[in-house]
Amino acid sequence: MSAQLDVDGPAAPPRSNGELVFAEPWQSRAFGMAVGLCEAGAFTWTRFQAALIARIAAWEAAAAPDEPYDYYQLWLAALEDVLVERSAVSAGEVAERAGALARRRPGHDHPDRPGPGHAH
């Protein structure tokens, strides 16, 4: 099964001149993770789209007027929703991993690893 990205509508990812737009590296990784998991059969694209549309609608209903819209935060939340729903990951595991990532030094989105010549 392959993901069929919406070009228009509430679930359509940001584009510029027809190309997908990612402002941060994590956004493209979250995007690729969702597409890859769908193509691997972890969930259907229709289910992911429904979760994304629900997340967008909830944000629209609750957002303060000056709150910036962050499509890929909602994308990531929708991915978490479908993975928790499928019991592929628990909500606690998602929160634990997010906390661990948040504690990393700025600019380091990978685990600290010893350099050459250091013991493992």
PDB file of N, CA and C in Angstrom:
ATOM      1  N   MET A   1       0.852  -1.174   0.000  1.00  0.00           N
ATOM      2  CA  MET A   1       0.000   0.000   0.000  1.00  0.00           C
ATOM      3  C   MET A   1       0.891   1.228   0.000  1.00  0.00           C
ATOM      4  N   SER A   2       0.553   2.213  -0.806  1.00  0.00           N
ATOM      5  CA  SER A   2       1.351   3.432  -0.787  1.00  0.00           C
ATOM      6  C   SER A   2       0.502   4.596  -0.313  1.00  0.00           C
ATOM      7  N   ALA A   3       1.187   5.556   0.268  1.00  0.00           N
ATOM      8  CA  ALA A   3       0.520   6.743   0.792  1.00  0.00           C
ATOM      9  C   ALA A   3       0.140   7.653  -0.371  1.00  0.00           C
ATOM     10  N   GLN A   4      -1.073   8.112  -0.368  1.00  0.00           N
ATOM     11  CA  GLN A   4      -1.541   9.061  -1.370  1.00  0.00           C
ATOM     12  C   GLN A   4      -1.701  10.413  -0.680  1.00  0.00           C
ATOM     13  N   LEU A   5      -0.725  11.292  -0.846  1.00  0.00           N
ATOM     14  CA  LEU A   5      -0.748  12.591  -0.184  1.00  0.00           C
ATOM     15  C   LEU A   5      -1.807  13.495  -0.784  1.00  0.00           C
ATOM     16  N   ASP A   6      -2.541  14.141   0.086  1.00  0.00           N
ATOM     17  CA  ASP A   6      -3.507  15.135  -0.365  1.00  0.00           C
ATOM     18  C   ASP A   6      -2.752  16.338  -0.935  1.00  0.00           C
ATOM     19  N   VAL A   7      -3.250  16.881  -2.021  1.00  0.00           N
ATOM     20  CA  VAL A   7      -2.676  18.091  -2.580  1.00  0.00           C
ATOM     21  C   VAL A   7      -3.440  19.289  -2.043  1.00  0.00           C
ATOM     22  N   ASP A   8      -4.728  19.111  -1.819  1.00  0.00           N
ATOM     23  CA  ASP A   8      -5.592  20.153  -1.266  1.00  0.00           C
ATOM     24  C   ASP A   8      -6.310  19.589  -0.057  1.00  0.00           C
ATOM     25  N   GLY A   9      -6.913  20.454   0.716  1.00  0.00           N
ATOM     26  CA  GLY A   9      -7.705  20.021   1.859  1.00  0.00           C
ATOM     27  C   GLY A   9      -6.928  20.102   3.156  1.00  0.00           C
ATOM     28  N   PRO A  10      -7.616  19.779   4.243  1.00  0.00           N
ATOM     29  CA  PRO A  10      -7.016  19.978   5.564  1.00  0.00           C
ATOM     30  C   PRO A  10      -5.797  19.124   5.855  1.00  0.00           C
ATOM     31  N   ALA A  11      -5.658  17.978   5.219  1.00  0.00           N
ATOM     32  CA  ALA A  11      -4.521  17.097   5.503  1.00  0.00           C
ATOM     33  C   ALA A  11      -3.350  17.316   4.549  1.00  0.00           C
ATOM     34  N   ALA A  12      -3.476  18.250   3.609  1.00  0.00           N
ATOM     35  CA  ALA A  12      -2.421  18.469   2.621  1.00  0.00           C
ATOM     36  C   ALA A  12      -1.187  19.088   3.272  1.00  0.00           C
ATOM     37  N   PRO A  13      -0.024  18.492   3.050  1.00  0.00           N
ATOM     38  CA  PRO A  13       1.206  19.053   3.615  1.00  0.00           C
ATOM     39  C   PRO A  13       1.591  20.365   2.931  1.00  0.00           C
ATOM     40  N   PRO A  14       2.361  21.202   3.639  1.00  0.00           N
ATOM     41  CA  PRO A  14       2.800  22.474   3.047  1.00  0.00           C
ATOM     42  C   PRO A  14       3.638  22.237   1.795  1.00  0.00           C
ATOM     43  N   ARG A  15       3.414  23.074   0.796  1.00  0.00           N
ATOM     44  CA  ARG A  15       4.154  22.958  -0.464  1.00  0.00           C
ATOM     45  C   ARG A  15       4.549  24.358  -0.948  1.00  0.00           C
ATOM     46  N   SER A  16       5.605  24.383  -1.736  1.00  0.00           N
ATOM     47  CA  SER A  16       6.026  25.590  -2.429  1.00  0.00           C
ATOM     48  C   SER A  16       6.385  25.163  -3.841  1.00  0.00           C
ATOM     49  N   ASN A  17       5.726  25.747  -4.832  1.00  0.00           N
ATOM     50  CA  ASN A  17       5.930  25.356  -6.229  1.00  0.00           C
ATOM     51  C   ASN A  17       5.753  23.858  -6.427  1.00  0.00           C
ATOM     52  N   GLY A  18       4.810  23.259  -5.715  1.00  0.00           N
ATOM     53  CA  GLY A  18       4.502  21.843  -5.857  1.00  0.00           C
ATOM     54  C   GLY A  18       5.384  20.917  -5.046  1.00  0.00           C
ATOM     55  N   GLU A  19       6.452  21.434  -4.449  1.00  0.00           N
ATOM     56  CA  GLU A  19       7.379  20.614  -3.671  1.00  0.00           C
ATOM     57  C   GLU A  19       7.036  20.699  -2.181  1.00  0.00           C
ATOM     58  N   LEU A  20       7.200  19.585  -1.475  1.00  0.00           N
ATOM     59  CA  LEU A  20       6.981  19.583  -0.034  1.00  0.00           C
ATOM     60  C   LEU A  20       7.965  20.529   0.635  1.00  0.00           C
ATOM     61  N   VAL A  21       7.505  21.197   1.706  1.00  0.00           N
ATOM     62  CA  VAL A  21       8.323  22.162   2.428  1.00  0.00           C
ATOM     63  C   VAL A  21       8.516  21.679   3.858  1.00  0.00           C
ATOM     64  N   PHE A  22       9.780  21.613   4.276  1.00  0.00           N
ATOM     65  CA  PHE A  22      10.131  21.250   5.647  1.00  0.00           C
ATOM     66  C   PHE A  22      11.028  22.352   6.201  1.00  0.00           C
ATOM     67  N   ALA A  23      10.608  22.971   7.308  1.00  0.00           N
ATOM     68  CA  ALA A  23      11.401  24.052   7.905  1.00  0.00           C
ATOM     69  C   ALA A  23      12.500  23.510   8.811  1.00  0.00           C
ATOM     70  N   GLU A  24      12.331  22.303   9.310  1.00  0.00           N
ATOM     71  CA  GLU A  24      13.284  21.699  10.241  1.00  0.00           C
ATOM     72  C   GLU A  24      13.543  20.251   9.813  1.00  0.00           C
ATOM     73  N   PRO A  25      14.748  19.727  10.084  1.00  0.00           N
ATOM     74  CA  PRO A  25      15.036  18.335   9.714  1.00  0.00           C
ATOM     75  C   PRO A  25      14.075  17.316  10.341  1.00  0.00           C
ATOM     76  N   TRP A  26      13.628  17.555  11.580  1.00  0.00           N
ATOM     77  CA  TRP A  26      12.746  16.590  12.231  1.00  0.00           C
ATOM     78  C   TRP A  26      11.430  16.457  11.470  1.00  0.00           C
ATOM     79  N   GLN A  27      11.007  17.534  10.798  1.00  0.00           N
ATOM     80  CA  GLN A  27       9.741  17.488  10.065  1.00  0.00           C
ATOM     81  C   GLN A  27       9.820  16.492   8.911  1.00  0.00           C
ATOM     82  N   SER A  28      10.910  16.515   8.181  1.00  0.00           N
ATOM     83  CA  SER A  28      11.035  15.561   7.070  1.00  0.00           C
ATOM     84  C   SER A  28      11.166  14.136   7.590  1.00  0.00           C
ATOM     85  N   ARG A  29      11.802  13.968   8.750  1.00  0.00           N
ATOM     86  CA  ARG A  29      11.916  12.623   9.322  1.00  0.00           C
ATOM     87  C   ARG A  29      10.558  12.118   9.809  1.00  0.00           C
ATOM     88  N   ALA A  30       9.769  12.987  10.440  1.00  0.00           N
ATOM     89  CA  ALA A  30       8.427  12.590  10.880  1.00  0.00           C
ATOM     90  C   ALA A  30       7.558  12.246   9.670  1.00  0.00           C
ATOM     91  N   PHE A  31       7.672  13.037   8.627  1.00  0.00           N
ATOM     92  CA  PHE A  31       6.940  12.778   7.395  1.00  0.00           C
ATOM     93  C   PHE A  31       7.317  11.411   6.828  1.00  0.00           C
ATOM     94  N   GLY A  32       8.618  11.180   6.680  1.00  0.00           N
ATOM     95  CA  GLY A  32       9.097   9.914   6.133  1.00  0.00           C
ATOM     96  C   GLY A  32       8.735   8.723   7.000  1.00  0.00           C
ATOM     97  N   MET A  33       8.751   8.921   8.304  1.00  0.00           N
ATOM     98  CA  MET A  33       8.399   7.829   9.212  1.00  0.00           C
ATOM     99  C   MET A  33       6.944   7.416   9.009  1.00  0.00           C
ATOM    100  N   ALA A  34       6.053   8.397   8.907  1.00  0.00           N
ATOM    101  CA  ALA A  34       4.638   8.074   8.702  1.00  0.00           C
ATOM    102  C   ALA A  34       4.421   7.362   7.369  1.00  0.00           C
ATOM    103  N   VAL A  35       5.037   7.880   6.315  1.00  0.00           N
ATOM    104  CA  VAL A  35       4.878   7.256   4.994  1.00  0.00           C
ATOM    105  C   VAL A  35       5.456   5.841   5.015  1.00  0.00           C
ATOM    106  N   GLY A  36       6.648   5.693   5.577  1.00  0.00           N
ATOM    107  CA  GLY A  36       7.291   4.377   5.625  1.00  0.00           C
ATOM    108  C   GLY A  36       6.502   3.367   6.436  1.00  0.00           C
ATOM    109  N   LEU A  37       5.990   3.786   7.586  1.00  0.00           N
ATOM    110  CA  LEU A  37       5.194   2.870   8.411  1.00  0.00           C
ATOM    111  C   LEU A  37       3.910   2.469   7.705  1.00  0.00           C
ATOM    112  N   CYS A  38       3.295   3.408   7.014  1.00  0.00           N
ATOM    113  CA  CYS A  38       2.088   3.086   6.238  1.00  0.00           C
ATOM    114  C   CYS A  38       2.419   2.073   5.151  1.00  0.00           C
ATOM    115  N   GLU A  39       3.489   2.342   4.411  1.00  0.00           N
ATOM    116  CA  GLU A  39       3.860   1.440   3.321  1.00  0.00           C
ATOM    117  C   GLU A  39       4.275   0.069   3.839  1.00  0.00           C
ATOM    118  N   ALA A  40       4.738  -0.002   5.099  1.00  0.00           N
ATOM    119  CA  ALA A  40       5.099  -1.291   5.709  1.00  0.00           C
ATOM    120  C   ALA A  40       3.878  -2.013   6.277  1.00  0.00           C
ATOM    121  N   GLY A  41       2.703  -1.363   6.214  1.00  0.00           N
ATOM    122  CA  GLY A  41       1.475  -1.998   6.671  1.00  0.00           C
ATOM    123  C   GLY A  41       1.135  -1.774   8.133  1.00  0.00           C
ATOM    124  N   ALA A  42       1.808  -0.821   8.801  1.00  0.00           N
ATOM    125  CA  ALA A  42       1.523  -0.562  10.209  1.00  0.00           C
ATOM    126  C   ALA A  42       0.131   0.046  10.409  1.00  0.00           C
ATOM    127  N   PHE A  43      -0.345   0.774   9.411  1.00  0.00           N
ATOM    128  CA  PHE A  43      -1.681   1.378   9.435  1.00  0.00           C
ATOM    129  C   PHE A  43      -2.029   1.776   8.010  1.00  0.00           C
ATOM    130  N   THR A  44      -3.295   2.071   7.773  1.00  0.00           N
ATOM    131  CA  THR A  44      -3.703   2.510   6.442  1.00  0.00           C
ATOM    132  C   THR A  44      -3.531   4.020   6.336  1.00  0.00           C
ATOM    133  N   TRP A  45      -3.303   4.474   5.123  1.00  0.00           N
ATOM    134  CA  TRP A  45      -3.152   5.914   4.914  1.00  0.00           C
ATOM    135  C   TRP A  45      -4.463   6.631   5.220  1.00  0.00           C
ATOM    136  N   THR A  46      -5.583   5.983   4.913  1.00  0.00           N
ATOM    137  CA  THR A  46      -6.891   6.572   5.223  1.00  0.00           C
ATOM    138  C   THR A  46      -7.019   6.812   6.723  1.00  0.00           C
ATOM    139  N   ARG A  47      -6.575   5.858   7.535  1.00  0.00           N
ATOM    140  CA  ARG A  47      -6.631   6.023   8.994  1.00  0.00           C
ATOM    141  C   ARG A  47      -5.726   7.162   9.444  1.00  0.00           C
ATOM    142  N   PHE A  48      -4.520   7.244   8.874  1.00  0.00           N
ATOM    143  CA  PHE A  48      -3.615   8.331   9.244  1.00  0.00           C
ATOM    144  C   PHE A  48      -4.210   9.680   8.859  1.00  0.00           C
ATOM    145  N   GLN A  49      -4.759   9.783   7.661  1.00  0.00           N
ATOM    146  CA  GLN A  49      -5.375  11.039   7.229  1.00  0.00           C
ATOM    147  C   GLN A  49      -6.495  11.454   8.166  1.00  0.00           C
ATOM    148  N   ALA A  50      -7.314  10.492   8.587  1.00  0.00           N
ATOM    149  CA  ALA A  50      -8.414  10.807   9.511  1.00  0.00           C
ATOM    150  C   ALA A  50      -7.862  11.320  10.846  1.00  0.00           C
ATOM    151  N   ALA A  51      -6.786  10.706  11.335  1.00  0.00           N
ATOM    152  CA  ALA A  51      -6.175  11.152  12.592  1.00  0.00           C
ATOM    153  C   ALA A  51      -5.593  12.550  12.428  1.00  0.00           C
ATOM    154  N   LEU A  52      -4.966  12.821  11.287  1.00  0.00           N
ATOM    155  CA  LEU A  52      -4.398  14.138  11.040  1.00  0.00           C
ATOM    156  C   LEU A  52      -5.490  15.200  10.942  1.00  0.00           C
ATOM    157  N   ILE A  53      -6.551  14.902  10.215  1.00  0.00           N
ATOM    158  CA  ILE A  53      -7.664  15.849  10.095  1.00  0.00           C
ATOM    159  C   ILE A  53      -8.285  16.114  11.459  1.00  0.00           C
ATOM    160  N   ALA A  54      -8.413  15.076  12.289  1.00  0.00           N
ATOM    161  CA  ALA A  54      -8.966  15.256  13.641  1.00  0.00           C
ATOM    162  C   ALA A  54      -8.048  16.135  14.480  1.00  0.00           C
ATOM    163  N   ARG A  55      -6.742  15.935  14.384  1.00  0.00           N
ATOM    164  CA  ARG A  55      -5.786  16.769  15.129  1.00  0.00           C
ATOM    165  C   ARG A  55      -5.853  18.222  14.666  1.00  0.00           C
ATOM    166  N   ILE A  56      -5.947  18.448  13.364  1.00  0.00           N
ATOM    167  CA  ILE A  56      -6.050  19.808  12.829  1.00  0.00           C
ATOM    168  C   ILE A  56      -7.333  20.467  13.317  1.00  0.00           C
ATOM    169  N   ALA A  57      -8.448  19.751  13.246  1.00  0.00           N
ATOM    170  CA  ALA A  57      -9.733  20.308  13.699  1.00  0.00           C
ATOM    171  C   ALA A  57      -9.695  20.644  15.187  1.00  0.00           C
ATOM    172  N   ALA A  58      -9.097  19.778  15.993  1.00  0.00           N
ATOM    173  CA  ALA A  58      -8.991  20.045  17.434  1.00  0.00           C
ATOM    174  C   ALA A  58      -8.125  21.272  17.689  1.00  0.00           C
ATOM    175  N   TRP A  59      -7.046  21.410  16.944  1.00  0.00           N
ATOM    176  CA  TRP A  59      -6.186  22.583  17.103  1.00  0.00           C
ATOM    177  C   TRP A  59      -6.960  23.844  16.729  1.00  0.00           C
ATOM    178  N   GLU A  60      -7.668  23.802  15.605  1.00  0.00           N
ATOM    179  CA  GLU A  60      -8.437  24.968  15.163  1.00  0.00           C
ATOM    180  C   GLU A  60      -9.481  25.374  16.191  1.00  0.00           C
ATOM    181  N   ALA A  61     -10.101  24.388  16.838  1.00  0.00           N
ATOM    182  CA  ALA A  61     -11.141  24.677  17.828  1.00  0.00           C
ATOM    183  C   ALA A  61     -10.572  25.242  19.125  1.00  0.00           C
ATOM    184  N   ALA A  62      -9.341  24.871  19.466  1.00  0.00           N
ATOM    185  CA  ALA A  62      -8.794  25.244  20.766  1.00  0.00           C
ATOM    186  C   ALA A  62      -7.705  26.307  20.723  1.00  0.00           C
ATOM    187  N   ALA A  63      -7.158  26.598  19.565  1.00  0.00           N
ATOM    188  CA  ALA A  63      -5.997  27.493  19.466  1.00  0.00           C
ATOM    189  C   ALA A  63      -6.360  28.933  19.799  1.00  0.00           C
ATOM    190  N   ALA A  64      -5.457  29.574  20.490  1.00  0.00           N
ATOM    191  CA  ALA A  64      -5.592  31.014  20.736  1.00  0.00           C
ATOM    192  C   ALA A  64      -5.365  31.741  19.411  1.00  0.00           C
ATOM    193  N   PRO A  65      -5.951  32.926  19.246  1.00  0.00           N
ATOM    194  CA  PRO A  65      -5.819  33.635  17.966  1.00  0.00           C
ATOM    195  C   PRO A  65      -4.367  33.889  17.537  1.00  0.00           C
ATOM    196  N   ASP A  66      -3.464  34.067  18.487  1.00  0.00           N
ATOM    197  CA  ASP A  66      -2.074  34.353  18.127  1.00  0.00           C
ATOM    198  C   ASP A  66      -1.176  33.114  18.153  1.00  0.00           C
ATOM    199  N   GLU A  67      -1.769  31.929  18.388  1.00  0.00           N
ATOM    200  CA  GLU A  67      -0.988  30.693  18.432  1.00  0.00           C
ATOM    201  C   GLU A  67      -0.597  30.287  17.013  1.00  0.00           C
ATOM    202  N   PRO A  68       0.715  30.084  16.764  1.00  0.00           N
ATOM    203  CA  PRO A  68       1.129  29.719  15.408  1.00  0.00           C
ATOM    204  C   PRO A  68       0.693  28.296  15.044  1.00  0.00           C
ATOM    205  N   TYR A  69       0.353  28.134  13.785  1.00  0.00           N
ATOM    206  CA  TYR A  69      -0.048  26.832  13.257  1.00  0.00           C
ATOM    207  C   TYR A  69       1.206  26.051  12.912  1.00  0.00           C
ATOM    208  N   ASP A  70       1.317  24.849  13.424  1.00  0.00           N
ATOM    209  CA  ASP A  70       2.493  24.007  13.151  1.00  0.00           C
ATOM    210  C   ASP A  70       2.007  22.669  12.594  1.00  0.00           C
ATOM    211  N   TYR A  71       1.918  22.597  11.279  1.00  0.00           N
ATOM    212  CA  TYR A  71       1.392  21.422  10.594  1.00  0.00           C
ATOM    213  C   TYR A  71       2.109  20.149  11.029  1.00  0.00           C
ATOM    214  N   TYR A  72       3.436  20.195  11.090  1.00  0.00           N
ATOM    215  CA  TYR A  72       4.171  18.963  11.375  1.00  0.00           C
ATOM    216  C   TYR A  72       4.105  18.541  12.841  1.00  0.00           C
ATOM    217  N   GLN A  73       3.827  19.450  13.755  1.00  0.00           N
ATOM    218  CA  GLN A  73       3.541  19.034  15.135  1.00  0.00           C
ATOM    219  C   GLN A  73       2.244  18.224  15.153  1.00  0.00           C
ATOM    220  N   LEU A  74       1.258  18.679  14.381  1.00  0.00           N
ATOM    221  CA  LEU A  74      -0.011  17.958  14.295  1.00  0.00           C
ATOM    222  C   LEU A  74       0.166  16.643  13.550  1.00  0.00           C
ATOM    223  N   TRP A  75       1.026  16.639  12.543  1.00  0.00           N
ATOM    224  CA  TRP A  75       1.362  15.410  11.804  1.00  0.00           C
ATOM    225  C   TRP A  75       1.942  14.381  12.759  1.00  0.00           C
ATOM    226  N   LEU A  76       2.902  14.808  13.562  1.00  0.00           N
ATOM    227  CA  LEU A  76       3.554  13.911  14.509  1.00  0.00           C
ATOM    228  C   LEU A  76       2.556  13.404  15.560  1.00  0.00           C
ATOM    229  N   ALA A  77       1.682  14.290  16.039  1.00  0.00           N
ATOM    230  CA  ALA A  77       0.661  13.876  17.011  1.00  0.00           C
ATOM    231  C   ALA A  77      -0.288  12.844  16.397  1.00  0.00           C
ATOM    232  N   ALA A  78      -0.650  13.033  15.127  1.00  0.00           N
ATOM    233  CA  ALA A  78      -1.517  12.066  14.443  1.00  0.00           C
ATOM    234  C   ALA A  78      -0.809  10.727  14.288  1.00  0.00           C
ATOM    235  N   LEU A  79       0.475  10.759  13.992  1.00  0.00           N
ATOM    236  CA  LEU A  79       1.249   9.522  13.892  1.00  0.00           C
ATOM    237  C   LEU A  79       1.253   8.801  15.242  1.00  0.00           C
ATOM    238  N   GLU A  80       1.477   9.540  16.309  1.00  0.00           N
ATOM    239  CA  GLU A  80       1.431   8.941  17.639  1.00  0.00           C
ATOM    240  C   GLU A  80       0.061   8.329  17.903  1.00  0.00           C
ATOM    241  N   ASP A  81      -0.993   9.049  17.515  1.00  0.00           N
ATOM    242  CA  ASP A  81      -2.356   8.548  17.734  1.00  0.00           C
ATOM    243  C   ASP A  81      -2.568   7.189  17.069  1.00  0.00           C
ATOM    244  N   VAL A  82      -2.170   7.064  15.796  1.00  0.00           N
ATOM    245  CA  VAL A  82      -2.416   5.795  15.111  1.00  0.00           C
ATOM    246  C   VAL A  82      -1.531   4.685  15.650  1.00  0.00           C
ATOM    247  N   LEU A  83      -0.318   5.015  16.064  1.00  0.00           N
ATOM    248  CA  LEU A  83       0.561   3.989  16.624  1.00  0.00           C
ATOM    249  C   LEU A  83       0.077   3.520  17.993  1.00  0.00           C
ATOM    250  N   VAL A  84      -0.417   4.442  18.813  1.00  0.00           N
ATOM    251  CA  VAL A  84      -0.980   4.056  20.115  1.00  0.00           C
ATOM    252  C   VAL A  84      -2.251   3.234  19.893  1.00  0.00           C
ATOM    253  N   GLU A  85      -3.079   3.671  18.949  1.00  0.00           N
ATOM    254  CA  GLU A  85      -4.316   2.957  18.624  1.00  0.00           C
ATOM    255  C   GLU A  85      -4.038   1.518  18.191  1.00  0.00           C
ATOM    256  N   ARG A  86      -2.974   1.311  17.430  1.00  0.00           N
ATOM    257  CA  ARG A  86      -2.598  -0.017  16.941  1.00  0.00           C
ATOM    258  C   ARG A  86      -1.781  -0.802  17.954  1.00  0.00           C
ATOM    259  N   SER A  87      -1.562  -0.213  19.132  1.00  0.00           N
ATOM    260  CA  SER A  87      -0.743  -0.815  20.196  1.00  0.00           C
ATOM    261  C   SER A  87       0.693  -1.074  19.741  1.00  0.00           C
ATOM    262  N   ALA A  88       1.154  -0.291  18.759  1.00  0.00           N
ATOM    263  CA  ALA A  88       2.537  -0.397  18.307  1.00  0.00           C
ATOM    264  C   ALA A  88       3.472   0.277  19.301  1.00  0.00           C
ATOM    265  N   VAL A  89       2.930   1.223  20.043  1.00  0.00           N
ATOM    266  CA  VAL A  89       3.669   1.952  21.067  1.00  0.00           C
ATOM    267  C   VAL A  89       2.650   2.452  22.080  1.00  0.00           C
ATOM    268  N   SER A  90       3.049   2.586  23.323  1.00  0.00           N
ATOM    269  CA  SER A  90       2.125   3.107  24.328  1.00  0.00           C
ATOM    270  C   SER A  90       2.305   4.611  24.458  1.00  0.00           C
ATOM    271  N   ALA A  91       1.270   5.282  24.960  1.00  0.00           N
ATOM    272  CA  ALA A  91       1.357   6.720  25.173  1.00  0.00           C
ATOM    273  C   ALA A  91       2.496   7.044  26.136  1.00  0.00           C
ATOM    274  N   GLY A  92       2.725   6.200  27.118  1.00  0.00           N
ATOM    275  CA  GLY A  92       3.817   6.408  28.064  1.00  0.00           C
ATOM    276  C   GLY A  92       5.176   6.339  27.393  1.00  0.00           C
ATOM    277  N   GLU A  93       5.328   5.397  26.449  1.00  0.00           N
ATOM    278  CA  GLU A  93       6.593   5.282  25.715  1.00  0.00           C
ATOM    279  C   GLU A  93       6.830   6.520  24.863  1.00  0.00           C
ATOM    280  N   VAL A  94       5.786   7.044  24.262  1.00  0.00           N
ATOM    281  CA  VAL A  94       5.916   8.249  23.447  1.00  0.00           C
ATOM    282  C   VAL A  94       6.356   9.409  24.337  1.00  0.00           C
ATOM    283  N   ALA A  95       5.711   9.578  25.479  1.00  0.00           N
ATOM    284  CA  ALA A  95       6.059  10.673  26.389  1.00  0.00           C
ATOM    285  C   ALA A  95       7.485  10.521  26.913  1.00  0.00           C
ATOM    286  N   GLU A  96       7.885   9.303  27.250  1.00  0.00           N
ATOM    287  CA  GLU A  96       9.235   9.056  27.754  1.00  0.00           C
ATOM    288  C   GLU A  96      10.284   9.400  26.702  1.00  0.00           C
ATOM    289  N   ARG A  97      10.061   8.955  25.487  1.00  0.00           N
ATOM    290  CA  ARG A  97      11.022   9.220  24.409  1.00  0.00           C
ATOM    291  C   ARG A  97      11.068  10.709  24.071  1.00  0.00           C
ATOM    292  N   ALA A  98       9.909  11.365  24.062  1.00  0.00           N
ATOM    293  CA  ALA A  98       9.870  12.805  23.782  1.00  0.00           C
ATOM    294  C   ALA A  98      10.637  13.575  24.854  1.00  0.00           C
ATOM    295  N   GLY A  99      10.488  13.164  26.110  1.00  0.00           N
ATOM    296  CA  GLY A  99      11.225  13.808  27.194  1.00  0.00           C
ATOM    297  C   GLY A  99      12.724  13.627  27.049  1.00  0.00           C
ATOM    298  N   ALA A 100      13.139  12.422  26.667  1.00  0.00           N
ATOM    299  CA  ALA A 100      14.568  12.153  26.475  1.00  0.00           C
ATOM    300  C   ALA A 100      15.122  13.012  25.337  1.00  0.00           C
ATOM    301  N   LEU A 101      14.378  13.138  24.278  1.00  0.00           N
ATOM    302  CA  LEU A 101      14.827  13.964  23.162  1.00  0.00           C
ATOM    303  C   LEU A 101      14.871  15.437  23.546  1.00  0.00           C
ATOM    304  N   ALA A 102      13.910  15.888  24.327  1.00  0.00           N
ATOM    305  CA  ALA A 102      13.866  17.290  24.749  1.00  0.00           C
ATOM    306  C   ALA A 102      15.038  17.657  25.649  1.00  0.00           C
ATOM    307  N   ARG A 103      15.589  16.684  26.359  1.00  0.00           N
ATOM    308  CA  ARG A 103      16.706  16.961  27.266  1.00  0.00           C
ATOM    309  C   ARG A 103      18.055  17.022  26.549  1.00  0.00           C
ATOM    310  N   ARG A 104      18.107  16.705  25.305  1.00  0.00           N
ATOM    311  CA  ARG A 104      19.367  16.751  24.562  1.00  0.00           C
ATOM    312  C   ARG A 104      19.810  18.189  24.338  1.00  0.00           C
ATOM    313  N   ARG A 105      21.106  18.348  24.148  1.00  0.00           N
ATOM    314  CA  ARG A 105      21.647  19.674  23.859  1.00  0.00           C
ATOM    315  C   ARG A 105      21.052  20.186  22.558  1.00  0.00           C
ATOM    316  N   PRO A 106      20.835  21.488  22.464  1.00  0.00           N
ATOM    317  CA  PRO A 106      20.321  22.056  21.217  1.00  0.00           C
ATOM    318  C   PRO A 106      21.231  21.693  20.041  1.00  0.00           C
ATOM    319  N   GLY A 107      20.607  21.359  18.931  1.00  0.00           N
ATOM    320  CA  GLY A 107      21.348  21.008  17.729  1.00  0.00           C
ATOM    321  C   GLY A 107      21.796  19.565  17.658  1.00  0.00           C
ATOM    322  N   HIS A 108      21.450  18.776  18.671  1.00  0.00           N
ATOM    323  CA  HIS A 108      21.842  17.363  18.679  1.00  0.00           C
ATOM    324  C   HIS A 108      20.586  16.504  18.701  1.00  0.00           C
ATOM    325  N   ASP A 109      20.168  16.064  17.535  1.00  0.00           N
ATOM    326  CA  ASP A 109      18.964  15.242  17.463  1.00  0.00           C
ATOM    327  C   ASP A 109      19.299  13.769  17.355  1.00  0.00           C
ATOM    328  N   HIS A 110      20.500  13.399  17.758  1.00  0.00           N
ATOM    329  CA  HIS A 110      20.905  11.998  17.784  1.00  0.00           C
ATOM    330  C   HIS A 110      21.556  11.719  19.133  1.00  0.00           C
ATOM    331  N   PRO A 111      21.623  10.469  19.540  1.00  0.00           N
ATOM    332  CA  PRO A 111      22.218  10.146  20.834  1.00  0.00           C
ATOM    333  C   PRO A 111      23.687  10.547  20.861  1.00  0.00           C
ATOM    334  N   ASP A 112      24.136  10.983  22.035  1.00  0.00           N
ATOM    335  CA  ASP A 112      25.558  11.253  22.204  1.00  0.00           C
ATOM    336  C   ASP A 112      26.306   9.943  22.077  1.00  0.00           C
ATOM    337  N   ARG A 113      27.356   9.949  21.310  1.00  0.00           N
ATOM    338  CA  ARG A 113      28.175   8.765  21.120  1.00  0.00           C
ATOM    339  C   ARG A 113      29.624   9.135  21.387  1.00  0.00           C
ATOM    340  N   PRO A 114      30.378   8.217  21.950  1.00  0.00           N
ATOM    341  CA  PRO A 114      31.787   8.514  22.153  1.00  0.00           C
ATOM    342  C   PRO A 114      32.494   8.693  20.808  1.00  0.00           C
ATOM    343  N   GLY A 115      33.474   9.571  20.805  1.00  0.00           N
ATOM    344  CA  GLY A 115      34.257   9.801  19.593  1.00  0.00           C
ATOM    345  C   GLY A 115      35.234   8.662  19.377  1.00  0.00           C
ATOM    346  N   PRO A 116      36.011   8.737  18.289  1.00  0.00           N
ATOM    347  CA  PRO A 116      37.006   7.695  17.997  1.00  0.00           C
ATOM    348  C   PRO A 116      37.992   7.574  19.157  1.00  0.00           C
ATOM    349  N   GLY A 117      38.348   6.367  19.484  1.00  0.00           N
ATOM    350  CA  GLY A 117      39.307   6.131  20.544  1.00  0.00           C
ATOM    351  C   GLY A 117      38.733   6.116  21.933  1.00  0.00           C
ATOM    352  N   HIS A 118      37.428   6.367  22.084  1.00  0.00           N
ATOM    353  CA  HIS A 118      36.776   6.336  23.386  1.00  0.00           C
ATOM    354  C   HIS A 118      36.155   4.969  23.627  1.00  0.00           C
ATOM    355  N   ALA A 119      36.164   4.560  24.871  1.00  0.00           N
ATOM    356  CA  ALA A 119      35.545   3.273  25.220  1.00  0.00           C
ATOM    357  C   ALA A 119      34.041   3.376  25.082  1.00  0.00           C
ATOM    358  N   HIS A 120      33.402   2.293  24.719  1.00  0.00           N
ATOM    359  CA  HIS A 120      31.931   2.258  24.568  1.00  0.00           C
ATOM    360  C   HIS A 120      31.285   1.879  25.851  1.00  0.00           C
TER     361      HIS A 120
END
